[in-house]
Amino acid sequence: MIGIIGSGAAGMAAAVTAARLGASVTVLERDKRAGRKLSATGNGRCNITNMSASVNTYSSASQSTLDEMLGNLSPAQVRQFFDSLGLPTREEEEDRVYPRCNLAGAVVDALRLAMGELGVVLKTECPVKSVKREKHGFGVALASGEHLWFDKLIIAAGGAAAEKNGGTADGVTFLRNLGHSIVPILPALSPLCTETELIRPLKGIRAACVISAFAKNTLLRKELGEVQFADFGISGIAAMQLSTSIAQHNEPITLSLDFFHEQDEQDLCDYLIKRRDAFPQRALPEWLAGLLHRRVAEMLYKYRNLPLSLLSGELTDSQIRSLAASMKNFPLKCTGVKPLPFSQATAGGAKLTQFDSATMESRLVPNLFAAGEVLDAVGDCGGFNLHWAWVTGITAGRAAARCE
């Protein structure tokens, strides 16, 4: 008898895989329905995997072990798994893979249908209170007072991110109580909090740029993409990609926004001088029309103390050089990342080296397995975190069933 705590991506993948191999499987889910968090991913489309998944698109305190675990299943094999469930997939830009129908609910339905057809017992609204290692298995105490017993146990309870969609730290707590070391849990893929005086008027505006994060003078990471300004700071994929690195550093972080990544600073300066000479009678708010959102341009003027009442023809070459420099490197002090309820994933979790990379079985507790976000691995945006869930869930389910 295999027990699985959690019916998210990793838990359901493990259940289907183990049941296909003939195991008797029971899944315990604290929420009212299985796959709640999964059904909300990818703006309701569910970015299932990414064909470029590799260790370089993840972060962990144990990168070499992470690399070994990822080797258990390729993105192509993940797609084959969903094909076998009757859910065709298709590849889009940036190597992202989505269900053919573009509906996250279809992914959840495919997994739930398979579990039902294979005889998996799914117990919803069934929060687990504690897990205890016993002589020949595991005792699982439910919040209801009921006690269950399993030969094998897979902990796939997800992470604490996005609490409103069912995020919980329960799985990590169970693993800690069973003796596993936990890498500190931090928000990942989360919006960035910044100083707001200059950007407050930009709330809701999106701008394409390269955003870089520096700790002192050391570049932590940079990303090209769309940034969305908010009353607390900045969001959008490009900003959220930086959050994992930023959350792991305690020293002050400075962000740099490059609004013209396709041009170097001198070329941009030369272009702006030509534009000034071509349209000398335009007021500054109109002078950059077509290049930047009006309010972004006004923010840059304010930063450089350029009155909006000026005509472009009144700008000196020196003022244009300073404006071009700000367009290429607009600094923002980062004050932190939004906490776990606002993040899409968690960094940290159970230490990977304490699990067999080929089976996901604990090296400390025989017949205990872990999968998904409870483990110390977090990927970039783009399907990488779901890929991790499928790989570890399928690997754990297969191994647990084979040693039944």
Protein backbone atom coordinates (compact mmCIF):
# COMPACT_ATOMS: atom_id res chain seq x y z
CA MET A 1 0.00 0.00 0.00
CA ILE A 2 1.44 3.34 -1.09
CA GLY A 3 0.31 6.58 0.53
CA ILE A 4 0.83 9.92 -1.20
CA ILE A 5 0.48 13.20 0.66
CA GLY A 6 -0.59 15.87 -1.82
CA SER A 7 -2.52 15.79 -5.07
CA GLY A 8 -0.67 18.48 -6.95
CA ALA A 9 1.36 17.87 -10.08
CA ALA A 10 3.98 15.65 -8.42
CA GLY A 11 1.50 13.74 -6.28
CA MET A 12 -0.89 12.91 -9.12
CA ALA A 13 1.96 11.95 -11.47
CA ALA A 14 3.31 9.63 -8.78
CA ALA A 15 -0.14 8.11 -8.17
CA VAL A 16 -0.80 7.39 -11.84
CA THR A 17 2.66 5.90 -12.36
CA ALA A 18 2.52 3.67 -9.29
CA ALA A 19 -1.02 2.48 -10.01
CA ARG A 20 -0.08 1.60 -13.59
CA LEU A 21 2.53 -0.74 -12.14
CA GLY A 22 -0.13 -2.50 -10.08
CA ALA A 23 0.35 -0.77 -6.73
CA SER A 24 -2.50 0.04 -4.39
CA VAL A 25 -2.42 3.82 -3.98
CA THR A 26 -4.17 6.28 -1.69
CA VAL A 27 -3.75 10.03 -2.14
CA LEU A 28 -4.43 12.39 0.76
CA GLU A 29 -5.34 15.99 -0.15
CA ARG A 30 -6.03 18.76 2.34
CA ASP A 31 -8.01 20.86 -0.16
CA LYS A 32 -11.53 20.30 -1.48
CA ARG A 33 -10.26 19.15 -4.85
CA ALA A 34 -7.13 17.76 -6.43
CA GLY A 35 -4.86 19.93 -8.55
CA ARG A 36 -6.16 23.31 -7.40
CA LYS A 37 -2.80 25.05 -7.73
CA LEU A 38 -2.07 23.26 -11.00
CA SER A 39 -5.32 24.47 -12.54
CA ALA A 40 -4.23 28.09 -12.01
CA THR A 41 -0.78 27.82 -13.60
CA GLY A 42 0.27 29.55 -16.79
CA ASN A 43 -2.63 32.02 -16.61
CA GLY A 44 -4.98 29.08 -16.89
CA ARG A 45 -3.10 27.49 -19.79
CA CYS A 46 -0.61 25.31 -17.85
CA ASN A 47 2.92 25.48 -19.23
CA ILE A 48 3.49 21.73 -18.75
CA THR A 49 7.21 21.57 -19.49
CA ASN A 50 10.00 23.21 -21.44
CA MET A 51 12.04 21.43 -24.10
CA SER A 52 15.15 23.31 -22.88
CA ALA A 53 14.92 22.05 -19.30
CA SER A 54 18.39 21.45 -17.87
CA VAL A 55 20.23 21.96 -14.60
CA ASN A 56 21.14 25.47 -15.80
CA THR A 57 17.50 26.54 -15.56
CA TYR A 58 17.24 25.59 -11.86
CA SER A 59 18.68 26.65 -8.54
CA SER A 60 19.53 24.34 -5.64
CA ALA A 61 22.12 24.00 -2.92
CA SER A 62 22.94 20.61 -4.53
CA GLN A 63 23.24 21.31 -8.25
CA SER A 64 25.03 18.05 -9.12
CA THR A 65 22.34 15.92 -7.46
CA LEU A 66 19.67 18.05 -9.12
CA ASP A 67 21.29 17.34 -12.48
CA GLU A 68 21.17 13.59 -11.80
CA MET A 69 17.50 13.74 -10.79
CA LEU A 70 16.54 15.70 -13.89
CA GLY A 71 18.22 12.99 -15.97
CA ASN A 72 15.51 10.51 -14.95
CA LEU A 73 13.04 11.94 -17.46
CA SER A 74 13.44 14.20 -20.47
CA PRO A 75 10.92 16.85 -21.59
CA ALA A 76 10.06 14.56 -24.51
CA GLN A 77 9.27 11.75 -22.09
CA VAL A 78 7.06 14.08 -20.06
CA ARG A 79 5.11 14.81 -23.23
CA GLN A 80 4.84 11.06 -23.88
CA PHE A 81 3.44 10.60 -20.39
CA PHE A 82 0.65 13.08 -21.14
CA ASP A 83 0.06 11.53 -24.56
CA SER A 84 -0.52 8.25 -22.74
CA LEU A 85 -3.21 9.99 -20.67
CA GLY A 86 -4.95 11.16 -23.84
CA LEU A 87 -3.72 14.74 -23.52
CA PRO A 88 -1.81 15.92 -26.61
CA THR A 89 0.64 18.80 -26.22
CA ARG A 90 2.19 21.40 -28.48
CA GLU A 91 5.40 23.41 -28.39
CA GLU A 92 5.35 27.21 -28.59
CA GLU A 93 7.96 29.97 -28.52
CA GLU A 94 10.85 29.75 -26.05
CA ASP A 95 10.45 25.94 -26.11
CA ARG A 96 7.39 26.08 -23.85
CA VAL A 97 4.98 23.15 -24.02
CA TYR A 98 1.23 23.52 -23.42
CA PRO A 99 -1.76 21.21 -23.65
CA ARG A 100 -3.17 21.20 -27.18
CA CYS A 101 -6.43 22.72 -25.89
CA ASN A 102 -4.64 25.50 -23.95
CA LEU A 103 -6.57 24.70 -20.77
CA ALA A 104 -4.89 23.97 -17.43
CA GLY A 105 -8.10 22.29 -16.30
CA ALA A 106 -7.61 19.65 -18.99
CA VAL A 107 -4.27 18.69 -17.44
CA VAL A 108 -5.89 18.26 -14.04
CA ASP A 109 -8.79 16.34 -15.57
CA ALA A 110 -6.46 13.97 -17.44
CA LEU A 111 -4.63 13.11 -14.24
CA ARG A 112 -7.79 12.74 -12.15
CA LEU A 113 -9.45 10.56 -14.78
CA ALA A 114 -6.40 8.32 -14.95
CA MET A 115 -6.31 7.97 -11.17
CA GLY A 116 -9.99 7.03 -11.12
CA GLU A 117 -9.61 4.50 -13.92
CA LEU A 118 -6.62 2.92 -12.18
CA GLY A 119 -8.38 2.57 -8.86
CA VAL A 120 -6.41 5.22 -6.97
CA VAL A 121 -8.23 6.24 -3.79
CA LEU A 122 -8.36 10.04 -3.58
CA LYS A 123 -9.30 11.48 -0.19
CA THR A 124 -9.95 15.23 -0.39
CA GLU A 125 -10.56 17.60 2.53
CA CYS A 126 -8.25 15.26 4.38
CA PRO A 127 -5.41 17.28 5.94
CA VAL A 128 -2.57 15.27 7.43
CA LYS A 129 -1.66 16.19 11.01
CA SER A 130 1.51 14.15 11.43
CA VAL A 131 3.59 11.34 9.96
CA LYS A 132 5.40 8.75 12.07
CA ARG A 133 7.92 6.16 11.02
CA GLU A 134 6.84 2.75 12.37
CA LYS A 135 8.53 -0.64 12.36
CA HIS A 136 7.18 -1.82 9.00
CA GLY A 137 5.76 1.36 7.46
CA PHE A 138 4.31 4.75 8.23
CA GLY A 139 1.53 5.88 10.51
CA VAL A 140 -0.33 8.92 9.17
CA ALA A 141 -2.55 10.84 11.58
CA LEU A 142 -5.30 12.94 9.98
CA ALA A 143 -6.70 16.15 11.40
CA SER A 144 -10.05 14.35 11.64
CA GLY A 145 -8.57 11.98 14.22
CA GLU A 146 -8.40 9.04 11.81
CA HIS A 147 -5.14 7.08 11.57
CA LEU A 148 -3.93 5.39 8.38
CA TRP A 149 -1.01 3.06 7.73
CA PHE A 150 1.10 2.65 4.57
CA ASP A 151 4.01 0.42 3.53
CA LYS A 152 5.49 3.20 1.41
CA LEU A 153 4.97 6.94 1.64
CA ILE A 154 5.52 9.66 -0.97
CA ILE A 155 5.50 13.23 0.34
CA ALA A 156 4.46 15.54 -2.50
CA ALA A 157 2.58 18.22 -0.60
CA GLY A 158 3.94 21.15 -2.61
CA GLY A 159 5.38 24.39 -1.25
CA ALA A 160 4.22 27.36 0.78
CA ALA A 161 3.94 29.72 -2.21
CA ALA A 162 0.53 30.97 -3.39
CA GLU A 163 -1.37 30.06 -0.23
CA LYS A 164 -4.68 31.17 -1.76
CA ASN A 165 -4.29 28.38 -4.33
CA GLY A 166 -3.51 25.74 -1.75
CA GLY A 167 0.16 26.38 -0.99
CA THR A 168 1.34 24.83 2.26
CA ALA A 169 4.56 24.12 4.14
CA ASP A 170 3.18 20.84 5.57
CA GLY A 171 5.31 18.55 3.39
CA VAL A 172 8.57 20.21 4.39
CA THR A 173 7.50 20.01 8.05
CA PHE A 174 6.84 16.27 7.74
CA LEU A 175 10.24 15.69 6.13
CA ARG A 176 11.97 17.74 8.82
CA ASN A 177 10.24 15.75 11.54
CA LEU A 178 11.39 12.54 9.87
CA GLY A 179 15.00 13.67 10.14
CA HIS A 180 15.68 15.47 6.88
CA SER A 181 17.75 18.64 6.66
CA ILE A 182 15.87 21.62 5.24
CA VAL A 183 17.46 24.35 3.14
CA PRO A 184 15.74 27.59 4.30
CA ILE A 185 12.47 28.28 2.51
CA LEU A 186 12.39 31.55 0.54
CA PRO A 187 10.00 33.07 -2.00
CA ALA A 188 10.89 32.48 -5.65
CA LEU A 189 9.41 33.85 -8.86
CA SER A 190 8.00 36.71 -6.82
CA PRO A 191 7.50 40.44 -7.57
CA LEU A 192 10.24 42.81 -6.41
CA CYS A 193 9.78 45.55 -3.83
CA THR A 194 11.65 48.76 -4.63
CA GLU A 195 11.85 52.41 -3.76
CA THR A 196 8.71 53.93 -5.24
CA GLU A 197 8.97 57.71 -5.32
CA LEU A 198 9.81 57.98 -9.01
CA ILE A 199 7.89 54.97 -10.31
CA ARG A 200 4.63 55.44 -8.38
CA PRO A 201 2.96 57.27 -11.32
CA LEU A 202 3.77 54.26 -13.54
CA LYS A 203 1.46 51.83 -11.73
CA GLY A 204 0.01 49.34 -14.24
CA ILE A 205 2.35 50.32 -17.07
CA ARG A 206 4.39 47.64 -18.84
CA ALA A 207 7.75 48.24 -20.49
CA ALA A 208 10.13 45.93 -22.33
CA CYS A 209 13.65 46.19 -20.95
CA VAL A 210 16.70 44.36 -19.69
CA ILE A 211 16.66 44.31 -15.90
CA SER A 212 19.82 43.53 -13.95
CA ALA A 213 20.34 42.92 -10.23
CA PHE A 214 23.59 43.90 -8.52
CA ALA A 215 24.82 43.12 -5.00
CA LYS A 216 27.35 45.88 -4.46
CA ASN A 217 29.15 45.77 -7.81
CA THR A 218 28.54 42.09 -8.53
CA LEU A 219 25.97 41.17 -11.17
CA LEU A 220 23.66 38.50 -9.76
CA ARG A 221 21.53 38.03 -12.84
CA LYS A 222 19.95 39.90 -15.72
CA GLU A 223 16.83 39.21 -17.74
CA LEU A 224 15.24 40.54 -20.91
CA GLY A 225 11.47 40.83 -20.88
CA GLU A 226 8.47 42.83 -19.86
CA VAL A 227 8.41 44.67 -16.55
CA GLN A 228 5.16 45.84 -14.97
CA PHE A 229 5.28 48.75 -12.56
CA ALA A 230 3.26 48.57 -9.34
CA ASP A 231 2.72 50.67 -6.24
CA PHE A 232 5.17 48.43 -4.32
CA GLY A 233 7.81 48.06 -7.02
CA ILE A 234 7.95 45.94 -10.19
CA SER A 235 6.50 42.66 -11.40
CA GLY A 236 6.40 40.75 -14.69
CA ILE A 237 8.40 37.69 -15.73
CA ALA A 238 11.70 39.54 -16.18
CA ALA A 239 11.54 40.94 -12.64
CA MET A 240 10.30 37.72 -11.08
CA GLN A 241 13.13 35.72 -12.63
CA LEU A 242 15.54 37.77 -10.51
CA SER A 243 13.72 37.20 -7.24
CA THR A 244 15.27 33.84 -6.39
CA SER A 245 18.80 35.25 -6.52
CA ILE A 246 17.79 38.42 -4.69
CA ALA A 247 16.02 36.57 -1.87
CA GLN A 248 19.20 34.61 -1.18
CA HIS A 249 21.31 37.74 -0.59
CA ASN A 250 21.16 39.84 2.55
CA GLU A 251 23.24 42.75 1.26
CA PRO A 252 21.65 45.78 -0.47
CA ILE A 253 20.49 45.12 -4.04
CA THR A 254 20.40 47.67 -6.84
CA LEU A 255 18.37 47.10 -9.99
CA SER A 256 19.22 48.57 -13.37
CA LEU A 257 16.59 48.96 -16.09
CA ASP A 258 17.77 49.26 -19.70
CA PHE A 259 14.88 50.48 -21.83
CA PHE A 260 16.92 50.37 -25.06
CA HIS A 261 18.80 47.07 -24.87
CA GLU A 262 19.03 46.87 -28.66
CA GLN A 263 21.29 49.96 -28.83
CA ASP A 264 24.46 50.92 -27.03
CA GLU A 265 24.52 54.20 -25.17
CA GLN A 266 26.49 56.18 -27.77
CA ASP A 267 24.21 55.12 -30.64
CA LEU A 268 21.17 56.04 -28.56
CA CYS A 269 22.66 59.42 -27.72
CA ASP A 270 23.44 60.12 -31.39
CA TYR A 271 19.88 59.16 -32.34
CA LEU A 272 18.35 61.44 -29.69
CA ILE A 273 20.46 64.37 -30.88
CA LYS A 274 19.22 63.79 -34.45
CA ARG A 275 15.66 63.54 -33.15
CA ARG A 276 16.08 66.84 -31.27
CA ASP A 277 17.34 68.54 -34.41
CA ALA A 278 14.53 67.06 -36.52
CA PHE A 279 11.72 68.06 -34.11
CA PRO A 280 12.99 71.12 -32.21
CA GLN A 281 9.51 72.54 -31.49
CA ARG A 282 8.12 69.50 -29.74
CA ALA A 283 7.48 69.72 -26.01
CA LEU A 284 9.30 67.01 -24.06
CA PRO A 285 6.21 64.85 -23.36
CA GLU A 286 5.66 64.50 -27.13
CA TRP A 287 9.31 64.40 -28.18
CA LEU A 288 9.81 60.72 -27.29
CA ALA A 289 6.39 59.59 -28.50
CA GLY A 290 6.77 56.22 -30.21
CA LEU A 291 9.94 55.37 -28.29
CA LEU A 292 8.68 55.07 -24.74
CA HIS A 293 5.38 55.15 -22.90
CA ARG A 294 4.68 58.83 -22.13
CA ARG A 295 4.75 58.33 -18.36
CA VAL A 296 8.00 56.36 -18.51
CA ALA A 297 9.53 59.23 -20.49
CA GLU A 298 8.20 61.74 -17.95
CA MET A 299 9.71 59.69 -15.14
CA LEU A 300 13.11 59.79 -16.87
CA TYR A 301 12.83 63.56 -17.40
CA LYS A 302 12.06 64.01 -13.70
CA TYR A 303 15.01 61.85 -12.74
CA ARG A 304 17.27 64.10 -14.82
CA ASN A 305 15.61 67.32 -13.60
CA LEU A 306 14.35 68.25 -17.06
CA PRO A 307 11.18 70.41 -16.89
CA LEU A 308 8.32 69.14 -19.05
CA SER A 309 7.81 72.69 -20.28
CA LEU A 310 11.09 72.56 -22.23
CA LEU A 311 11.04 72.21 -26.00
CA SER A 312 13.25 69.46 -27.37
CA GLY A 313 15.27 72.04 -29.28
CA GLU A 314 16.29 73.58 -25.95
CA LEU A 315 18.02 70.41 -24.77
CA THR A 316 21.81 70.61 -24.74
CA ASP A 317 24.02 67.79 -25.94
CA SER A 318 25.06 67.25 -22.32
CA GLN A 319 21.44 66.91 -21.17
CA ILE A 320 20.75 64.41 -23.95
CA ARG A 321 23.82 62.39 -22.97
CA SER A 322 22.60 62.19 -19.38
CA LEU A 323 19.09 61.26 -20.57
CA ALA A 324 20.49 58.51 -22.82
CA ALA A 325 22.54 57.20 -19.89
CA SER A 326 19.36 56.95 -17.77
CA MET A 327 17.48 55.20 -20.56
CA LYS A 328 20.24 52.59 -20.62
CA ASN A 329 20.76 52.38 -16.88
CA PHE A 330 17.86 53.53 -14.72
CA PRO A 331 18.71 52.55 -11.12
CA LEU A 332 16.18 51.36 -8.56
CA LYS A 333 16.96 50.36 -5.00
CA CYS A 334 15.46 46.93 -4.33
CA THR A 335 14.08 46.61 -0.80
CA GLY A 336 13.26 42.89 -1.04
CA VAL A 337 10.88 40.44 -2.66
CA LYS A 338 7.18 39.98 -2.04
CA PRO A 339 6.61 37.22 0.56
CA LEU A 340 5.52 33.64 -0.09
CA PRO A 341 1.76 34.30 -0.47
CA PHE A 342 2.61 36.42 -3.54
CA SER A 343 5.26 34.15 -5.06
CA GLN A 344 4.74 31.46 -7.68
CA ALA A 345 7.22 29.01 -6.16
CA THR A 346 9.51 28.41 -3.21
CA ALA A 347 13.26 28.13 -3.09
CA GLY A 348 14.73 25.75 -0.53
CA GLY A 349 13.25 22.56 0.88
CA ALA A 350 14.50 19.11 1.80
CA LYS A 351 18.17 18.67 0.97
CA LEU A 352 18.55 16.76 -2.29
CA THR A 353 21.65 14.81 -1.31
CA GLN A 354 19.59 12.98 1.32
CA PHE A 355 17.59 11.27 -1.45
CA ASP A 356 18.62 8.64 -4.00
CA SER A 357 18.72 10.53 -7.28
CA ALA A 358 17.58 7.48 -9.28
CA THR A 359 14.51 6.70 -7.16
CA MET A 360 13.73 9.78 -5.00
CA GLU A 361 13.83 7.46 -1.97
CA SER A 362 15.14 8.90 1.28
CA ARG A 363 18.67 7.81 2.22
CA LEU A 364 17.69 8.33 5.87
CA VAL A 365 14.27 6.65 6.06
CA PRO A 366 13.70 3.50 3.96
CA ASN A 367 10.48 3.43 1.89
CA LEU A 368 10.01 7.20 2.23
CA PHE A 369 10.00 9.18 -1.03
CA ALA A 370 9.66 12.87 -1.85
CA ALA A 371 8.73 14.74 -5.03
CA GLY A 372 8.11 18.22 -6.29
CA GLU A 373 8.30 21.49 -4.43
CA VAL A 374 9.05 19.98 -1.00
CA LEU A 375 12.58 19.43 -2.34
CA ASP A 376 15.33 22.04 -2.61
CA ALA A 377 14.99 22.92 -6.28
CA VAL A 378 13.35 25.83 -8.05
CA GLY A 379 13.26 26.56 -11.75
CA ASP A 380 12.83 29.63 -13.91
CA CYS A 381 9.51 30.72 -15.36
CA GLY A 382 8.56 28.81 -18.47
CA GLY A 383 7.41 25.35 -17.40
CA PHE A 384 10.54 24.34 -15.52
CA ASN A 385 8.94 23.95 -12.11
CA LEU A 386 6.17 21.73 -13.45
CA HIS A 387 8.80 19.72 -15.31
CA TRP A 388 10.54 19.14 -11.98
CA ALA A 389 7.24 18.01 -10.44
CA TRP A 390 6.55 15.49 -13.25
CA VAL A 391 10.11 14.12 -13.23
CA THR A 392 10.32 13.62 -9.48
CA GLY A 393 6.71 12.45 -9.14
CA ILE A 394 6.95 9.85 -11.90
CA THR A 395 10.36 8.67 -10.64
CA ALA A 396 9.08 8.32 -7.05
CA GLY A 397 5.89 6.56 -8.13
CA ARG A 398 7.78 4.08 -10.30
CA ALA A 399 10.33 3.28 -7.59
CA ALA A 400 7.77 2.95 -4.79
CA ALA A 401 5.65 0.55 -6.87
CA ARG A 402 8.57 -1.60 -7.94
CA CYS A 403 9.64 -2.24 -4.36
CA GLU A 404 6.12 -3.19 -3.28
